[in-house]
Amino acid sequence: MLQPGTTPLPLRSGGEGLLHVPPGPLRGLVLVLHDAGGTAEHGLSLLRGQADARGLVLLAPVSAGPTWDALSGTGRRDTPAVDAALQHVLARMPLPRTGWP
């Protein structure tokens, strides 16, 4: 189970993202990708209040380099790291896999 609050989330790429879990019932998951040169915290700071009000978990990974490697066509580090982070979070979320509201 996920605990309310914002916690670091180690990534397979060697970086550390952030996971924000709102208080109360969970209703969904938002993947927050920062802009080039941005940080996980910046993305969370923009959405945290709205996510708390709506019961949305925020997953904010960080890119392994200055921007997401999928933009350069490789996806060798970031894509597997984001995929693993999503699997980690979804395995701990009490959400139905079908019939989303």
PDB file of N, CA and C in Angstrom:
ATOM      1  N   MET A   1       0.832  -1.195   0.000  1.00  0.00           N
ATOM      2  CA  MET A   1       0.000   0.000   0.000  1.00  0.00           C
ATOM      3  C   MET A   1       0.875   1.256   0.000  1.00  0.00           C
ATOM      4  N   LEU A   2       0.352   2.273  -0.595  1.00  0.00           N
ATOM      5  CA  LEU A   2       1.044   3.555  -0.641  1.00  0.00           C
ATOM      6  C   LEU A   2       0.630   4.403   0.553  1.00  0.00           C
ATOM      7  N   GLN A   3       1.591   5.105   1.119  1.00  0.00           N
ATOM      8  CA  GLN A   3       1.338   5.982   2.256  1.00  0.00           C
ATOM      9  C   GLN A   3       1.236   7.434   1.782  1.00  0.00           C
ATOM     10  N   PRO A   4       0.301   8.206   2.356  1.00  0.00           N
ATOM     11  CA  PRO A   4       0.169   9.612   1.964  1.00  0.00           C
ATOM     12  C   PRO A   4       1.454  10.399   2.209  1.00  0.00           C
ATOM     13  N   GLY A   5       1.698  11.357   1.335  1.00  0.00           N
ATOM     14  CA  GLY A   5       2.875  12.210   1.442  1.00  0.00           C
ATOM     15  C   GLY A   5       3.725  12.134   0.194  1.00  0.00           C
ATOM     16  N   THR A   6       4.824  12.856   0.204  1.00  0.00           N
ATOM     17  CA  THR A   6       5.759  12.875  -0.920  1.00  0.00           C
ATOM     18  C   THR A   6       7.038  12.186  -0.493  1.00  0.00           C
ATOM     19  N   THR A   7       7.441  11.185  -1.264  1.00  0.00           N
ATOM     20  CA  THR A   7       8.632  10.409  -0.920  1.00  0.00           C
ATOM     21  C   THR A   7       9.521  10.241  -2.151  1.00  0.00           C
ATOM     22  N   PRO A   8      10.829  10.070  -1.925  1.00  0.00           N
ATOM     23  CA  PRO A   8      11.731   9.780  -3.042  1.00  0.00           C
ATOM     24  C   PRO A   8      11.443   8.387  -3.596  1.00  0.00           C
ATOM     25  N   LEU A   9      11.659   8.236  -4.890  1.00  0.00           N
ATOM     26  CA  LEU A   9      11.475   6.943  -5.538  1.00  0.00           C
ATOM     27  C   LEU A   9      12.709   6.665  -6.392  1.00  0.00           C
ATOM     28  N   PRO A  10      13.575   5.742  -5.942  1.00  0.00           N
ATOM     29  CA  PRO A  10      14.763   5.405  -6.735  1.00  0.00           C
ATOM     30  C   PRO A  10      14.354   4.827  -8.097  1.00  0.00           C
ATOM     31  N   LEU A  11      15.084   5.218  -9.124  1.00  0.00           N
ATOM     32  CA  LEU A  11      14.791   4.765 -10.479  1.00  0.00           C
ATOM     33  C   LEU A  11      15.894   3.857 -10.997  1.00  0.00           C
ATOM     34  N   ARG A  12      15.533   2.984 -11.925  1.00  0.00           N
ATOM     35  CA  ARG A  12      16.508   2.056 -12.514  1.00  0.00           C
ATOM     36  C   ARG A  12      17.627   2.774 -13.245  1.00  0.00           C
ATOM     37  N   SER A  13      17.375   3.992 -13.689  1.00  0.00           N
ATOM     38  CA  SER A  13      18.378   4.752 -14.432  1.00  0.00           C
ATOM     39  C   SER A  13      19.445   5.347 -13.519  1.00  0.00           C
ATOM     40  N   GLY A  14      19.252   5.195 -12.203  1.00  0.00           N
ATOM     41  CA  GLY A  14      20.199   5.747 -11.248  1.00  0.00           C
ATOM     42  C   GLY A  14      19.726   7.052 -10.637  1.00  0.00           C
ATOM     43  N   GLY A  15      18.707   7.644 -11.203  1.00  0.00           N
ATOM     44  CA  GLY A  15      18.168   8.890 -10.662  1.00  0.00           C
ATOM     45  C   GLY A  15      17.171   8.614  -9.546  1.00  0.00           C
ATOM     46  N   GLU A  16      16.606   9.690  -9.045  1.00  0.00           N
ATOM     47  CA  GLU A  16      15.611   9.564  -7.987  1.00  0.00           C
ATOM     48  C   GLU A  16      14.436  10.466  -8.316  1.00  0.00           C
ATOM     49  N   GLY A  17      13.276   9.846  -8.534  1.00  0.00           N
ATOM     50  CA  GLY A  17      12.062  10.593  -8.795  1.00  0.00           C
ATOM     51  C   GLY A  17      11.332  10.857  -7.497  1.00  0.00           C
ATOM     52  N   LEU A  18      10.131  11.373  -7.630  1.00  0.00           N
ATOM     53  CA  LEU A  18       9.290  11.624  -6.466  1.00  0.00           C
ATOM     54  C   LEU A  18       7.927  10.985  -6.680  1.00  0.00           C
ATOM     55  N   LEU A  19       7.362  10.506  -5.585  1.00  0.00           N
ATOM     56  CA  LEU A  19       6.023   9.942  -5.593  1.00  0.00           C
ATOM     57  C   LEU A  19       5.199  10.713  -4.578  1.00  0.00           C
ATOM     58  N   HIS A  20       4.084  11.263  -5.022  1.00  0.00           N
ATOM     59  CA  HIS A  20       3.187  11.984  -4.113  1.00  0.00           C
ATOM     60  C   HIS A  20       1.870  11.235  -4.042  1.00  0.00           C
ATOM     61  N   VAL A  21       1.491  10.868  -2.823  1.00  0.00           N
ATOM     62  CA  VAL A  21       0.244  10.150  -2.576  1.00  0.00           C
ATOM     63  C   VAL A  21      -0.657  11.074  -1.759  1.00  0.00           C
ATOM     64  N   PRO A  22      -1.866  11.359  -2.263  1.00  0.00           N
ATOM     65  CA  PRO A  22      -2.756  12.260  -1.541  1.00  0.00           C
ATOM     66  C   PRO A  22      -3.396  11.557  -0.339  1.00  0.00           C
ATOM     67  N   PRO A  23      -3.892  12.342   0.600  1.00  0.00           N
ATOM     68  CA  PRO A  23      -4.654  11.729   1.690  1.00  0.00           C
ATOM     69  C   PRO A  23      -6.013  11.282   1.150  1.00  0.00           C
ATOM     70  N   GLY A  24      -6.597  10.300   1.762  1.00  0.00           N
ATOM     71  CA  GLY A  24      -7.931   9.853   1.354  1.00  0.00           C
ATOM     72  C   GLY A  24      -7.902   8.836   0.242  1.00  0.00           C
ATOM     73  N   PRO A  25      -9.080   8.545  -0.315  1.00  0.00           N
ATOM     74  CA  PRO A  25      -9.194   7.521  -1.358  1.00  0.00           C
ATOM     75  C   PRO A  25      -8.425   7.896  -2.623  1.00  0.00           C
ATOM     76  N   LEU A  26      -7.819   6.891  -3.239  1.00  0.00           N
ATOM     77  CA  LEU A  26      -7.063   7.112  -4.478  1.00  0.00           C
ATOM     78  C   LEU A  26      -7.971   6.877  -5.671  1.00  0.00           C
ATOM     79  N   ARG A  27      -7.906   7.799  -6.633  1.00  0.00           N
ATOM     80  CA  ARG A  27      -8.788   7.707  -7.789  1.00  0.00           C
ATOM     81  C   ARG A  27      -8.057   7.588  -9.111  1.00  0.00           C
ATOM     82  N   GLY A  28      -6.745   7.731  -9.105  1.00  0.00           N
ATOM     83  CA  GLY A  28      -6.016   7.650 -10.358  1.00  0.00           C
ATOM     84  C   GLY A  28      -4.541   7.975 -10.174  1.00  0.00           C
ATOM     85  N   LEU A  29      -3.836   7.877 -11.276  1.00  0.00           N
ATOM     86  CA  LEU A  29      -2.387   8.100 -11.296  1.00  0.00           C
ATOM     87  C   LEU A  29      -2.055   9.051 -12.434  1.00  0.00           C
ATOM     88  N   VAL A  30      -1.193  10.033 -12.142  1.00  0.00           N
ATOM     89  CA  VAL A  30      -0.726  10.971 -13.156  1.00  0.00           C
ATOM     90  C   VAL A  30       0.790  10.841 -13.245  1.00  0.00           C
ATOM     91  N   LEU A  31       1.279  10.622 -14.458  1.00  0.00           N
ATOM     92  CA  LEU A  31       2.716  10.590 -14.711  1.00  0.00           C
ATOM     93  C   LEU A  31       3.138  12.009 -15.075  1.00  0.00           C
ATOM     94  N   VAL A  32       4.025  12.597 -14.268  1.00  0.00           N
ATOM     95  CA  VAL A  32       4.438  13.991 -14.435  1.00  0.00           C
ATOM     96  C   VAL A  32       5.866  14.007 -14.976  1.00  0.00           C
ATOM     97  N   LEU A  33       6.014  14.378 -16.250  1.00  0.00           N
ATOM     98  CA  LEU A  33       7.339  14.447 -16.871  1.00  0.00           C
ATOM     99  C   LEU A  33       7.797  15.897 -16.904  1.00  0.00           C
ATOM    100  N   HIS A  34       8.975  16.148 -16.350  1.00  0.00           N
ATOM    101  CA  HIS A  34       9.508  17.511 -16.326  1.00  0.00           C
ATOM    102  C   HIS A  34      10.013  17.931 -17.692  1.00  0.00           C
ATOM    103  N   ASP A  35      10.190  19.230 -17.858  1.00  0.00           N
ATOM    104  CA  ASP A  35      10.729  19.749 -19.105  1.00  0.00           C
ATOM    105  C   ASP A  35      12.250  19.605 -19.111  1.00  0.00           C
ATOM    106  N   ALA A  36      12.865  19.918 -20.237  1.00  0.00           N
ATOM    107  CA  ALA A  36      14.322  19.811 -20.352  1.00  0.00           C
ATOM    108  C   ALA A  36      14.988  20.665 -19.282  1.00  0.00           C
ATOM    109  N   GLY A  37      15.865  20.055 -18.523  1.00  0.00           N
ATOM    110  CA  GLY A  37      16.555  20.754 -17.457  1.00  0.00           C
ATOM    111  C   GLY A  37      15.726  20.920 -16.191  1.00  0.00           C
ATOM    112  N   GLY A  38      14.503  20.414 -16.198  1.00  0.00           N
ATOM    113  CA  GLY A  38      13.614  20.565 -15.051  1.00  0.00           C
ATOM    114  C   GLY A  38      13.864  19.527 -13.974  1.00  0.00           C
ATOM    115  N   THR A  39      13.046  19.582 -12.944  1.00  0.00           N
ATOM    116  CA  THR A  39      13.171  18.655 -11.814  1.00  0.00           C
ATOM    117  C   THR A  39      11.830  18.011 -11.514  1.00  0.00           C
ATOM    118  N   ALA A  40      11.879  16.902 -10.824  1.00  0.00           N
ATOM    119  CA  ALA A  40      10.652  16.222 -10.401  1.00  0.00           C
ATOM    120  C   ALA A  40       9.836  17.130  -9.481  1.00  0.00           C
ATOM    121  N   GLU A  41      10.490  17.826  -8.586  1.00  0.00           N
ATOM    122  CA  GLU A  41       9.793  18.699  -7.635  1.00  0.00           C
ATOM    123  C   GLU A  41       9.035  19.815  -8.334  1.00  0.00           C
ATOM    124  N   HIS A  42       9.602  20.349  -9.400  1.00  0.00           N
ATOM    125  CA  HIS A  42       8.911  21.424 -10.123  1.00  0.00           C
ATOM    126  C   HIS A  42       7.573  20.932 -10.660  1.00  0.00           C
ATOM    127  N   GLY A  43       7.566  19.776 -11.274  1.00  0.00           N
ATOM    128  CA  GLY A  43       6.319  19.225 -11.795  1.00  0.00           C
ATOM    129  C   GLY A  43       5.300  18.966 -10.698  1.00  0.00           C
ATOM    130  N   LEU A  44       5.765  18.428  -9.582  1.00  0.00           N
ATOM    131  CA  LEU A  44       4.851  18.154  -8.466  1.00  0.00           C
ATOM    132  C   LEU A  44       4.272  19.437  -7.898  1.00  0.00           C
ATOM    133  N   SER A  45       5.100  20.467  -7.784  1.00  0.00           N
ATOM    134  CA  SER A  45       4.629  21.709  -7.163  1.00  0.00           C
ATOM    135  C   SER A  45       3.479  22.330  -7.956  1.00  0.00           C
ATOM    136  N   LEU A  46       3.444  22.091  -9.255  1.00  0.00           N
ATOM    137  CA  LEU A  46       2.376  22.644 -10.089  1.00  0.00           C
ATOM    138  C   LEU A  46       1.054  21.899  -9.913  1.00  0.00           C
ATOM    139  N   LEU A  47       1.127  20.627  -9.558  1.00  0.00           N
ATOM    140  CA  LEU A  47      -0.076  19.784  -9.547  1.00  0.00           C
ATOM    141  C   LEU A  47      -0.498  19.259  -8.182  1.00  0.00           C
ATOM    142  N   ARG A  48       0.331  19.396  -7.177  1.00  0.00           N
ATOM    143  CA  ARG A  48       0.085  18.761  -5.872  1.00  0.00           C
ATOM    144  C   ARG A  48      -1.281  19.122  -5.280  1.00  0.00           C
ATOM    145  N   GLY A  49      -1.635  20.390  -5.258  1.00  0.00           N
ATOM    146  CA  GLY A  49      -2.922  20.813  -4.673  1.00  0.00           C
ATOM    147  C   GLY A  49      -4.111  20.212  -5.397  1.00  0.00           C
ATOM    148  N   GLN A  50      -4.070  20.233  -6.721  1.00  0.00           N
ATOM    149  CA  GLN A  50      -5.166  19.659  -7.504  1.00  0.00           C
ATOM    150  C   GLN A  50      -5.237  18.146  -7.334  1.00  0.00           C
ATOM    151  N   ALA A  51      -4.079  17.509  -7.265  1.00  0.00           N
ATOM    152  CA  ALA A  51      -4.036  16.057  -7.089  1.00  0.00           C
ATOM    153  C   ALA A  51      -4.609  15.663  -5.732  1.00  0.00           C
ATOM    154  N   ASP A  52      -4.259  16.405  -4.692  1.00  0.00           N
ATOM    155  CA  ASP A  52      -4.795  16.111  -3.356  1.00  0.00           C
ATOM    156  C   ASP A  52      -6.310  16.246  -3.339  1.00  0.00           C
ATOM    157  N   ALA A  53      -6.829  17.272  -3.988  1.00  0.00           N
ATOM    158  CA  ALA A  53      -8.269  17.513  -4.007  1.00  0.00           C
ATOM    159  C   ALA A  53      -9.026  16.437  -4.782  1.00  0.00           C
ATOM    160  N   ARG A  54      -8.351  15.793  -5.734  1.00  0.00           N
ATOM    161  CA  ARG A  54      -9.025  14.816  -6.599  1.00  0.00           C
ATOM    162  C   ARG A  54      -8.614  13.367  -6.341  1.00  0.00           C
ATOM    163  N   GLY A  55      -7.738  13.146  -5.380  1.00  0.00           N
ATOM    164  CA  GLY A  55      -7.323  11.783  -5.062  1.00  0.00           C
ATOM    165  C   GLY A  55      -6.384  11.176  -6.086  1.00  0.00           C
ATOM    166  N   LEU A  56      -5.540  11.997  -6.699  1.00  0.00           N
ATOM    167  CA  LEU A  56      -4.637  11.510  -7.739  1.00  0.00           C
ATOM    168  C   LEU A  56      -3.214  11.349  -7.217  1.00  0.00           C
ATOM    169  N   VAL A  57      -2.644  10.192  -7.458  1.00  0.00           N
ATOM    170  CA  VAL A  57      -1.246   9.932  -7.137  1.00  0.00           C
ATOM    171  C   VAL A  57      -0.403  10.565  -8.243  1.00  0.00           C
ATOM    172  N   LEU A  58       0.690  11.224  -7.865  1.00  0.00           N
ATOM    173  CA  LEU A  58       1.597  11.835  -8.833  1.00  0.00           C
ATOM    174  C   LEU A  58       2.918  11.082  -8.830  1.00  0.00           C
ATOM    175  N   LEU A  59       3.325  10.602  -9.978  1.00  0.00           N
ATOM    176  CA  LEU A  59       4.621   9.957 -10.155  1.00  0.00           C
ATOM    177  C   LEU A  59       5.470  10.865 -11.019  1.00  0.00           C
ATOM    178  N   ALA A  60       6.557  11.379 -10.456  1.00  0.00           N
ATOM    179  CA  ALA A  60       7.413  12.327 -11.158  1.00  0.00           C
ATOM    180  C   ALA A  60       8.834  11.776 -11.249  1.00  0.00           C
ATOM    181  N   PRO A  61       9.133  11.031 -12.312  1.00  0.00           N
ATOM    182  CA  PRO A  61      10.504  10.547 -12.494  1.00  0.00           C
ATOM    183  C   PRO A  61      11.402  11.679 -12.975  1.00  0.00           C
ATOM    184  N   VAL A  62      12.689  11.424 -12.997  1.00  0.00           N
ATOM    185  CA  VAL A  62      13.643  12.383 -13.566  1.00  0.00           C
ATOM    186  C   VAL A  62      14.365  11.697 -14.721  1.00  0.00           C
ATOM    187  N   SER A  63      14.733  12.492 -15.717  1.00  0.00           N
ATOM    188  CA  SER A  63      15.464  11.927 -16.845  1.00  0.00           C
ATOM    189  C   SER A  63      16.910  11.647 -16.443  1.00  0.00           C
ATOM    190  N   ALA A  64      17.505  10.678 -17.107  1.00  0.00           N
ATOM    191  CA  ALA A  64      18.895  10.311 -16.806  1.00  0.00           C
ATOM    192  C   ALA A  64      19.877  11.374 -17.293  1.00  0.00           C
ATOM    193  N   GLY A  65      19.481  12.122 -18.297  1.00  0.00           N
ATOM    194  CA  GLY A  65      20.340  13.174 -18.839  1.00  0.00           C
ATOM    195  C   GLY A  65      19.636  14.519 -18.751  1.00  0.00           C
ATOM    196  N   PRO A  66      20.095  15.490 -19.536  1.00  0.00           N
ATOM    197  CA  PRO A  66      19.495  16.824 -19.475  1.00  0.00           C
ATOM    198  C   PRO A  66      18.054  16.871 -19.988  1.00  0.00           C
ATOM    199  N   THR A  67      17.668  15.880 -20.791  1.00  0.00           N
ATOM    200  CA  THR A  67      16.283  15.763 -21.246  1.00  0.00           C
ATOM    201  C   THR A  67      15.971  14.286 -21.422  1.00  0.00           C
ATOM    202  N   TRP A  68      14.727  13.958 -21.743  1.00  0.00           N
ATOM    203  CA  TRP A  68      14.306  12.558 -21.873  1.00  0.00           C
ATOM    204  C   TRP A  68      14.963  11.933 -23.099  1.00  0.00           C
ATOM    205  N   ASP A  69      15.546  10.746 -22.920  1.00  0.00           N
ATOM    206  CA  ASP A  69      16.279  10.136 -24.032  1.00  0.00           C
ATOM    207  C   ASP A  69      15.368   9.654 -25.154  1.00  0.00           C
ATOM    208  N   ALA A  70      14.081   9.524 -24.912  1.00  0.00           N
ATOM    209  CA  ALA A  70      13.161   9.167 -25.987  1.00  0.00           C
ATOM    210  C   ALA A  70      13.111  10.265 -27.046  1.00  0.00           C
ATOM    211  N   LEU A  71      13.404  11.498 -26.642  1.00  0.00           N
ATOM    212  CA  LEU A  71      13.425  12.604 -27.607  1.00  0.00           C
ATOM    213  C   LEU A  71      14.558  12.464 -28.607  1.00  0.00           C
ATOM    214  N   SER A  72      15.625  11.787 -28.200  1.00  0.00           N
ATOM    215  CA  SER A  72      16.747  11.567 -29.114  1.00  0.00           C
ATOM    216  C   SER A  72      16.597  10.260 -29.881  1.00  0.00           C
ATOM    217  N   GLY A  73      15.500   9.551 -29.609  1.00  0.00           N
ATOM    218  CA  GLY A  73      15.228   8.318 -30.324  1.00  0.00           C
ATOM    219  C   GLY A  73      15.837   7.069 -29.718  1.00  0.00           C
ATOM    220  N   THR A  74      16.485   7.183 -28.564  1.00  0.00           N
ATOM    221  CA  THR A  74      17.110   5.993 -27.992  1.00  0.00           C
ATOM    222  C   THR A  74      16.214   5.318 -26.959  1.00  0.00           C
ATOM    223  N   GLY A  75      15.757   6.038 -25.961  1.00  0.00           N
ATOM    224  CA  GLY A  75      14.910   5.456 -24.931  1.00  0.00           C
ATOM    225  C   GLY A  75      15.587   4.354 -24.143  1.00  0.00           C
ATOM    226  N   ARG A  76      16.917   4.342 -24.129  1.00  0.00           N
ATOM    227  CA  ARG A  76      17.657   3.237 -23.506  1.00  0.00           C
ATOM    228  C   ARG A  76      17.656   3.265 -21.989  1.00  0.00           C
ATOM    229  N   ARG A  77      17.614   4.458 -21.396  1.00  0.00           N
ATOM    230  CA  ARG A  77      17.671   4.536 -19.931  1.00  0.00           C
ATOM    231  C   ARG A  77      16.353   5.007 -19.329  1.00  0.00           C
ATOM    232  N   ASP A  78      15.794   6.069 -19.890  1.00  0.00           N
ATOM    233  CA  ASP A  78      14.594   6.643 -19.296  1.00  0.00           C
ATOM    234  C   ASP A  78      13.361   5.765 -19.468  1.00  0.00           C
ATOM    235  N   THR A  79      13.157   5.224 -20.653  1.00  0.00           N
ATOM    236  CA  THR A  79      11.951   4.438 -20.895  1.00  0.00           C
ATOM    237  C   THR A  79      11.857   3.235 -19.966  1.00  0.00           C
ATOM    238  N   PRO A  80      12.898   2.410 -19.827  1.00  0.00           N
ATOM    239  CA  PRO A  80      12.803   1.292 -18.881  1.00  0.00           C
ATOM    240  C   PRO A  80      12.653   1.760 -17.426  1.00  0.00           C
ATOM    241  N   ALA A  81      13.272   2.885 -17.085  1.00  0.00           N
ATOM    242  CA  ALA A  81      13.167   3.393 -15.712  1.00  0.00           C
ATOM    243  C   ALA A  81      11.748   3.859 -15.406  1.00  0.00           C
ATOM    244  N   VAL A  82      11.127   4.566 -16.343  1.00  0.00           N
ATOM    245  CA  VAL A  82       9.753   5.032 -16.145  1.00  0.00           C
ATOM    246  C   VAL A  82       8.805   3.837 -16.114  1.00  0.00           C
ATOM    247  N   ASP A  83       9.009   2.879 -16.993  1.00  0.00           N
ATOM    248  CA  ASP A  83       8.167   1.680 -17.013  1.00  0.00           C
ATOM    249  C   ASP A  83       8.246   0.939 -15.678  1.00  0.00           C
ATOM    250  N   ALA A  84       9.438   0.750 -15.161  1.00  0.00           N
ATOM    251  CA  ALA A  84       9.606   0.060 -13.877  1.00  0.00           C
ATOM    252  C   ALA A  84       8.964   0.845 -12.737  1.00  0.00           C
ATOM    253  N   ALA A  85       9.089   2.178 -12.762  1.00  0.00           N
ATOM    254  CA  ALA A  85       8.482   3.006 -11.722  1.00  0.00           C
ATOM    255  C   ALA A  85       6.958   2.900 -11.775  1.00  0.00           C
ATOM    256  N   LEU A  86       6.399   2.916 -12.977  1.00  0.00           N
ATOM    257  CA  LEU A  86       4.950   2.755 -13.120  1.00  0.00           C
ATOM    258  C   LEU A  86       4.488   1.400 -12.588  1.00  0.00           C
ATOM    259  N   GLN A  87       5.206   0.355 -12.936  1.00  0.00           N
ATOM    260  CA  GLN A  87       4.843  -0.978 -12.443  1.00  0.00           C
ATOM    261  C   GLN A  87       4.921  -1.040 -10.923  1.00  0.00           C
ATOM    262  N   HIS A  88       5.945  -0.438 -10.347  1.00  0.00           N
ATOM    263  CA  HIS A  88       6.123  -0.411  -8.894  1.00  0.00           C
ATOM    264  C   HIS A  88       4.930   0.264  -8.216  1.00  0.00           C
ATOM    265  N   VAL A  89       4.543   1.420  -8.729  1.00  0.00           N
ATOM    266  CA  VAL A  89       3.449   2.176  -8.118  1.00  0.00           C
ATOM    267  C   VAL A  89       2.107   1.472  -8.340  1.00  0.00           C
ATOM    268  N   LEU A  90       1.832   1.056  -9.555  1.00  0.00           N
ATOM    269  CA  LEU A  90       0.548   0.415  -9.850  1.00  0.00           C
ATOM    270  C   LEU A  90       0.334  -0.880  -9.064  1.00  0.00           C
ATOM    271  N   ALA A  91       1.417  -1.593  -8.784  1.00  0.00           N
ATOM    272  CA  ALA A  91       1.299  -2.828  -7.997  1.00  0.00           C
ATOM    273  C   ALA A  91       0.882  -2.539  -6.561  1.00  0.00           C
ATOM    274  N   ARG A  92       1.039  -1.298  -6.110  1.00  0.00           N
ATOM    275  CA  ARG A  92       0.726  -0.926  -4.725  1.00  0.00           C
ATOM    276  C   ARG A  92      -0.516  -0.060  -4.594  1.00  0.00           C
ATOM    277  N   MET A  93      -1.166   0.230  -5.718  1.00  0.00           N
ATOM    278  CA  MET A  93      -2.353   1.084  -5.698  1.00  0.00           C
ATOM    279  C   MET A  93      -3.618   0.247  -5.681  1.00  0.00           C
ATOM    280  N   PRO A  94      -4.528   0.544  -4.777  1.00  0.00           N
ATOM    281  CA  PRO A  94      -5.794  -0.189  -4.734  1.00  0.00           C
ATOM    282  C   PRO A  94      -6.796   0.368  -5.751  1.00  0.00           C
ATOM    283  N   LEU A  95      -6.464   0.244  -7.028  1.00  0.00           N
ATOM    284  CA  LEU A  95      -7.338   0.747  -8.090  1.00  0.00           C
ATOM    285  C   LEU A  95      -7.781  -0.407  -8.981  1.00  0.00           C
ATOM    286  N   PRO A  96      -9.002  -0.326  -9.497  1.00  0.00           N
ATOM    287  CA  PRO A  96      -9.435  -1.350 -10.459  1.00  0.00           C
ATOM    288  C   PRO A  96      -8.670  -1.185 -11.770  1.00  0.00           C
ATOM    289  N   ARG A  97      -8.412  -2.286 -12.446  1.00  0.00           N
ATOM    290  CA  ARG A  97      -7.678  -2.238 -13.725  1.00  0.00           C
ATOM    291  C   ARG A  97      -8.622  -1.927 -14.892  1.00  0.00           C
ATOM    292  N   THR A  98      -9.929  -2.064 -14.671  1.00  0.00           N
ATOM    293  CA  THR A  98     -10.905  -1.740 -15.701  1.00  0.00           C
ATOM    294  C   THR A  98     -12.017  -0.930 -15.069  1.00  0.00           C
ATOM    295  N   GLY A  99     -12.816  -0.301 -15.897  1.00  0.00           N
ATOM    296  CA  GLY A  99     -13.956   0.450 -15.403  1.00  0.00           C
ATOM    297  C   GLY A  99     -13.600   1.696 -14.622  1.00  0.00           C
ATOM    298  N   TRP A 100     -12.571   2.421 -15.064  1.00  0.00           N
ATOM    299  CA  TRP A 100     -12.171   3.646 -14.362  1.00  0.00           C
ATOM    300  C   TRP A 100     -13.312   4.644 -14.421  1.00  0.00           C
ATOM    301  N   PRO A 101     -13.521   5.375 -13.321  1.00  0.00           N
ATOM    302  CA  PRO A 101     -14.619   6.359 -13.311  1.00  0.00           C
ATOM    303  C   PRO A 101     -14.380   7.494 -14.284  1.00  0.00           C
TER     304      PRO A 101
END
